[in-house]
Amino acid sequence: MSYIYILPIEPIDAPVLDFLEGALFQAFQIKVKFDNRKIDASTAYDQKRNQYNSSNLLSQIIMKPPSDSVRLLGVTDADLFIPIFTFLFGEAQLDGPGAIISTQRLHNRFYGLPDNQKLLLERAKKEAIHELGHTFGLVHCFDPFCVMRLSTYVEDVDQKTAEFCNNCRSILIPKLHLLTR
């Protein structure tokens, strides 16, 4: 049997991890496990930006994956970037084994608003499904409600659903069937 593994990377919100376990199973119909490997986030830290290079973290995530993994998802509360962008909600390898998301900019408190745990969980679910969608070969979608819609701002995350549109689903389903045989 193959699994999607969630790899917690410090700092992390524990309730988000538990929520994602069920949400990812529901979205992909692949059982989810937790990977307890330690990722050294300090190697990805950029002192000038006060952020973490997501590509560096992603390369650590996919190194030596569990033998029964079909995909790996790193989850952190650290603020992520790549050099060409100010920040990222997440990053994934297209048709690759791994992805990472950050909850840092999914929190209302980041924007000076009152905490809203329910909204945070919903945003994290959408971004986790979105990034894992990329690992299954899906690209950004133009359907405004599809989970694969590009999210540049947190408002974009709020406007889309956690569901794949019919077109994205038609691409995804055959790939999932091949992986779970």
Foldseek 3Di string as FASTA:
>chain_A
DAEEEEEEAPPDDVVLVVLLQVLVCVAQVGHYYYDDDYQDQVVQADPVLRFGEQVNRFVVQPPPDPPRYQAYEYEYQTWYDHVVDSGDQKAAAQLARYIYGHLNQQFVVNVVDDGDVVSSSQLSSLVRLLRVLRNQRDAADPPQAASSHDDPHSVSSVRHHSHHDPVSCVSRVVSSVVSPD
